[in-house]
N, C-alpha and C. Protein backbone atom coordinates (compact mmCIF):
# COMPACT_ATOMS: atom_id res chain seq x y z
N MET A 1 0.85 -1.16 0.03
CA MET A 1 -0.02 0.00 0.03
C MET A 1 0.87 1.24 -0.04
N LEU A 2 0.64 2.12 -0.91
CA LEU A 2 1.42 3.40 -0.98
C LEU A 2 0.81 4.54 -0.32
N ALA A 3 -0.51 4.61 -0.27
CA ALA A 3 -1.21 5.78 0.26
C ALA A 3 -2.63 5.27 0.72
N ARG A 4 -3.27 6.08 1.52
CA ARG A 4 -4.64 5.78 1.99
C ARG A 4 -5.47 7.05 2.02
N GLU A 5 -6.71 6.87 1.57
CA GLU A 5 -7.62 7.96 1.59
C GLU A 5 -8.73 7.72 2.57
N GLU A 6 -9.04 8.62 3.36
CA GLU A 6 -10.22 8.46 4.27
C GLU A 6 -11.34 9.38 3.80
N LYS A 7 -12.51 8.82 3.76
CA LYS A 7 -13.66 9.58 3.24
C LYS A 7 -14.85 9.38 4.22
N GLU A 8 -15.42 10.50 4.65
CA GLU A 8 -16.57 10.46 5.54
C GLU A 8 -17.88 10.65 4.73
N GLU A 9 -18.73 9.62 4.87
CA GLU A 9 -20.01 9.60 4.03
C GLU A 9 -21.14 9.75 4.99
N LYS A 10 -21.98 10.74 4.73
CA LYS A 10 -23.15 10.95 5.57
C LYS A 10 -24.29 10.06 5.12
N GLN A 11 -25.00 9.51 6.11
CA GLN A 11 -26.11 8.58 5.76
C GLN A 11 -27.33 9.42 5.41
N GLU A 12 -28.13 8.91 4.59
CA GLU A 12 -29.33 9.66 4.09
C GLU A 12 -30.35 9.85 5.16
N ASP A 13 -30.41 8.90 6.09
CA ASP A 13 -31.49 8.97 7.14
C ASP A 13 -31.09 9.79 8.41
N GLY A 14 -29.94 10.49 8.34
CA GLY A 14 -29.52 11.44 9.30
C GLY A 14 -28.74 10.80 10.44
N ARG A 15 -28.54 9.50 10.39
CA ARG A 15 -27.72 8.83 11.36
C ARG A 15 -26.28 9.26 11.29
N LYS A 16 -25.48 8.75 12.22
CA LYS A 16 -24.04 9.07 12.31
C LYS A 16 -23.43 8.74 10.93
N SER A 17 -22.48 9.64 10.54
CA SER A 17 -21.82 9.37 9.26
C SER A 17 -20.80 8.27 9.34
N LEU A 18 -20.59 7.61 8.20
CA LEU A 18 -19.66 6.51 8.13
C LEU A 18 -18.29 7.02 7.62
N ARG A 19 -17.25 6.47 8.16
CA ARG A 19 -15.92 6.79 7.78
C ARG A 19 -15.33 5.56 7.06
N ARG A 20 -14.93 5.70 5.76
CA ARG A 20 -14.41 4.61 5.05
C ARG A 20 -12.95 4.95 4.69
N VAL A 21 -12.09 3.90 4.63
CA VAL A 21 -10.75 4.06 4.30
C VAL A 21 -10.48 3.26 3.00
N TYR A 22 -9.79 3.85 2.09
CA TYR A 22 -9.42 3.26 0.79
C TYR A 22 -7.99 3.29 0.58
N ASP A 23 -7.45 2.14 0.12
CA ASP A 23 -6.09 2.09 -0.32
C ASP A 23 -6.00 2.65 -1.76
N VAL A 24 -5.04 3.54 -1.94
CA VAL A 24 -4.93 4.14 -3.27
C VAL A 24 -3.47 4.05 -3.75
N VAL A 25 -3.31 4.10 -5.07
CA VAL A 25 -1.98 4.09 -5.61
C VAL A 25 -1.90 5.41 -6.43
N PRO A 26 -1.08 6.40 -5.95
CA PRO A 26 -1.03 7.66 -6.69
C PRO A 26 -0.05 7.60 -7.87
N TYR A 27 -0.45 8.27 -8.94
CA TYR A 27 0.46 8.35 -10.11
C TYR A 27 0.92 9.80 -10.30
N ILE A 28 2.20 9.86 -10.52
CA ILE A 28 2.77 11.28 -10.72
C ILE A 28 3.45 11.34 -12.04
N GLY A 29 3.14 12.29 -12.83
CA GLY A 29 3.84 12.48 -14.16
C GLY A 29 4.98 13.39 -14.05
N ILE A 30 5.95 13.26 -14.95
CA ILE A 30 7.13 14.12 -14.92
C ILE A 30 7.09 15.07 -16.15
N ILE A 31 6.04 15.08 -16.88
CA ILE A 31 6.00 15.90 -18.15
C ILE A 31 6.29 17.40 -17.84
N ASP A 32 5.85 17.90 -16.65
CA ASP A 32 6.01 19.29 -16.38
C ASP A 32 7.41 19.79 -16.25
N ILE A 33 8.29 18.82 -15.87
CA ILE A 33 9.66 19.22 -15.75
C ILE A 33 10.46 19.27 -17.10
N LEU A 34 9.71 18.70 -18.11
CA LEU A 34 10.36 18.69 -19.51
C LEU A 34 10.07 19.91 -20.22
N GLN A 35 9.27 20.77 -19.71
CA GLN A 35 8.80 21.96 -20.45
C GLN A 35 9.40 23.20 -19.77
N GLU A 36 9.90 24.11 -20.56
CA GLU A 36 10.43 25.34 -20.09
C GLU A 36 9.34 26.31 -19.93
N TYR A 37 9.38 27.07 -18.79
CA TYR A 37 8.40 28.16 -18.58
C TYR A 37 8.97 29.40 -19.26
N ASN A 38 8.52 29.64 -20.53
CA ASN A 38 9.01 30.72 -21.31
C ASN A 38 7.84 31.69 -21.68
N MET A 39 8.07 32.54 -22.63
CA MET A 39 7.04 33.55 -23.03
C MET A 39 5.75 32.88 -23.45
N ARG A 40 5.81 31.75 -24.10
CA ARG A 40 4.58 31.06 -24.48
C ARG A 40 3.80 30.63 -23.30
N LYS A 41 4.42 30.06 -22.29
CA LYS A 41 3.75 29.65 -21.09
C LYS A 41 3.21 30.82 -20.24
N ASN A 42 3.97 31.92 -20.26
CA ASN A 42 3.59 33.13 -19.60
C ASN A 42 2.32 33.66 -20.22
N THR A 43 2.24 33.64 -21.57
CA THR A 43 1.10 34.15 -22.33
C THR A 43 -0.14 33.18 -22.06
N GLU A 44 0.11 31.89 -22.07
CA GLU A 44 -0.92 30.93 -21.75
C GLU A 44 -1.49 31.23 -20.34
N HIS A 45 -0.60 31.50 -19.43
CA HIS A 45 -1.14 31.79 -17.99
C HIS A 45 -2.01 33.08 -18.03
N ALA A 46 -1.50 34.12 -18.73
CA ALA A 46 -2.32 35.36 -18.79
C ALA A 46 -3.64 35.15 -19.43
N CYS A 47 -3.75 34.37 -20.52
CA CYS A 47 -4.98 34.13 -21.17
C CYS A 47 -5.96 33.37 -20.28
N LYS A 48 -5.45 32.30 -19.66
CA LYS A 48 -6.30 31.51 -18.80
C LYS A 48 -6.67 32.27 -17.52
N SER A 49 -5.89 33.26 -17.08
CA SER A 49 -6.25 33.92 -15.89
C SER A 49 -7.43 34.86 -16.11
N ILE A 50 -7.74 35.22 -17.38
CA ILE A 50 -8.88 36.02 -17.61
C ILE A 50 -10.20 35.32 -17.32
N LYS A 51 -10.22 34.02 -17.59
CA LYS A 51 -11.48 33.30 -17.36
C LYS A 51 -11.48 32.49 -16.03
N TYR A 52 -10.25 32.09 -15.48
CA TYR A 52 -10.20 31.19 -14.35
C TYR A 52 -9.38 31.91 -13.28
N ASN A 53 -9.50 31.42 -12.01
CA ASN A 53 -8.69 31.90 -10.91
C ASN A 53 -7.21 31.58 -11.22
N PRO A 54 -6.37 32.65 -11.28
CA PRO A 54 -4.89 32.43 -11.63
C PRO A 54 -4.19 31.46 -10.75
N LEU A 55 -4.63 31.23 -9.49
CA LEU A 55 -3.96 30.33 -8.58
C LEU A 55 -4.35 28.90 -8.81
N SER A 56 -5.48 28.64 -9.57
CA SER A 56 -5.92 27.28 -9.73
C SER A 56 -5.65 26.67 -11.07
N ILE A 57 -5.13 27.49 -12.01
CA ILE A 57 -4.82 26.90 -13.36
C ILE A 57 -3.47 26.21 -13.28
N SER A 58 -3.25 25.28 -14.22
CA SER A 58 -2.06 24.43 -14.25
C SER A 58 -0.80 25.24 -14.68
N VAL A 59 -0.95 26.23 -15.51
CA VAL A 59 0.24 26.95 -16.02
C VAL A 59 0.52 28.09 -15.06
N VAL A 60 1.53 27.89 -14.25
CA VAL A 60 2.03 28.93 -13.27
C VAL A 60 3.51 28.95 -13.30
N GLU A 61 4.08 30.04 -12.72
CA GLU A 61 5.51 30.14 -12.58
C GLU A 61 6.06 28.97 -11.86
N PRO A 62 7.32 28.64 -12.18
CA PRO A 62 7.94 27.42 -11.50
C PRO A 62 7.98 27.49 -10.02
N ARG A 63 8.26 28.59 -9.36
CA ARG A 63 8.39 28.66 -7.95
C ARG A 63 6.98 28.40 -7.32
N PHE A 64 5.92 28.99 -7.85
CA PHE A 64 4.63 28.72 -7.33
C PHE A 64 4.18 27.23 -7.59
N TYR A 65 4.54 26.72 -8.71
CA TYR A 65 4.21 25.32 -9.01
C TYR A 65 4.87 24.38 -8.05
N LEU A 66 6.14 24.70 -7.68
CA LEU A 66 6.86 23.88 -6.69
C LEU A 66 6.19 23.87 -5.41
N GLU A 67 5.81 25.05 -4.90
CA GLU A 67 5.18 25.22 -3.57
C GLU A 67 3.82 24.46 -3.60
N ARG A 68 3.08 24.59 -4.65
CA ARG A 68 1.70 23.92 -4.71
C ARG A 68 1.96 22.44 -4.73
N PHE A 69 2.87 21.99 -5.53
CA PHE A 69 3.19 20.50 -5.61
C PHE A 69 3.58 19.96 -4.31
N LEU A 70 4.48 20.64 -3.64
CA LEU A 70 4.98 20.11 -2.30
C LEU A 70 3.87 20.09 -1.29
N LYS A 71 2.93 21.13 -1.30
CA LYS A 71 1.83 21.15 -0.40
C LYS A 71 0.95 19.94 -0.64
N PHE A 72 0.63 19.65 -1.93
CA PHE A 72 -0.14 18.56 -2.30
C PHE A 72 0.49 17.17 -1.80
N ILE A 73 1.73 16.99 -2.13
CA ILE A 73 2.48 15.79 -1.65
C ILE A 73 2.40 15.66 -0.13
N CYS A 74 2.56 16.72 0.59
CA CYS A 74 2.51 16.60 2.06
C CYS A 74 1.17 16.24 2.58
N THR A 75 0.09 16.56 1.89
CA THR A 75 -1.28 16.23 2.30
C THR A 75 -1.52 14.74 1.90
N VAL A 76 -1.01 14.27 0.82
CA VAL A 76 -1.18 12.89 0.41
C VAL A 76 -0.33 11.92 1.29
N PHE A 77 0.87 12.39 1.52
CA PHE A 77 1.80 11.59 2.35
C PHE A 77 2.21 12.34 3.62
N PRO A 78 1.37 12.39 4.64
CA PRO A 78 1.72 13.11 5.87
C PRO A 78 2.98 12.47 6.50
N LYS A 79 3.73 13.30 7.22
CA LYS A 79 4.97 12.84 7.83
C LYS A 79 4.65 11.78 8.88
N ASN A 80 3.63 11.91 9.64
CA ASN A 80 3.40 10.94 10.76
C ASN A 80 2.53 9.78 10.44
N SER A 81 2.36 9.52 9.12
CA SER A 81 1.52 8.37 8.67
C SER A 81 2.39 7.04 8.74
N PRO A 82 1.74 5.92 8.97
CA PRO A 82 2.47 4.67 9.13
C PRO A 82 3.11 4.24 7.82
């Protein structure tokens, strides 16, 4: 087992919610490190920012991408997990 997800499901009749645990296998791609953040990516980010929240779109500056990625990894793989 590589990772575990816990999901709390509320019952329809209003009784106490159930907590289920699922074993999951995360997949991580490396395609993002193969692309250079250049003027084209900067323009793509600007265009997508008009319609969507600039912090939620995939094309962001490398420093912000790193911070967002590490935050995600730390939530998936907490330090004190077995």
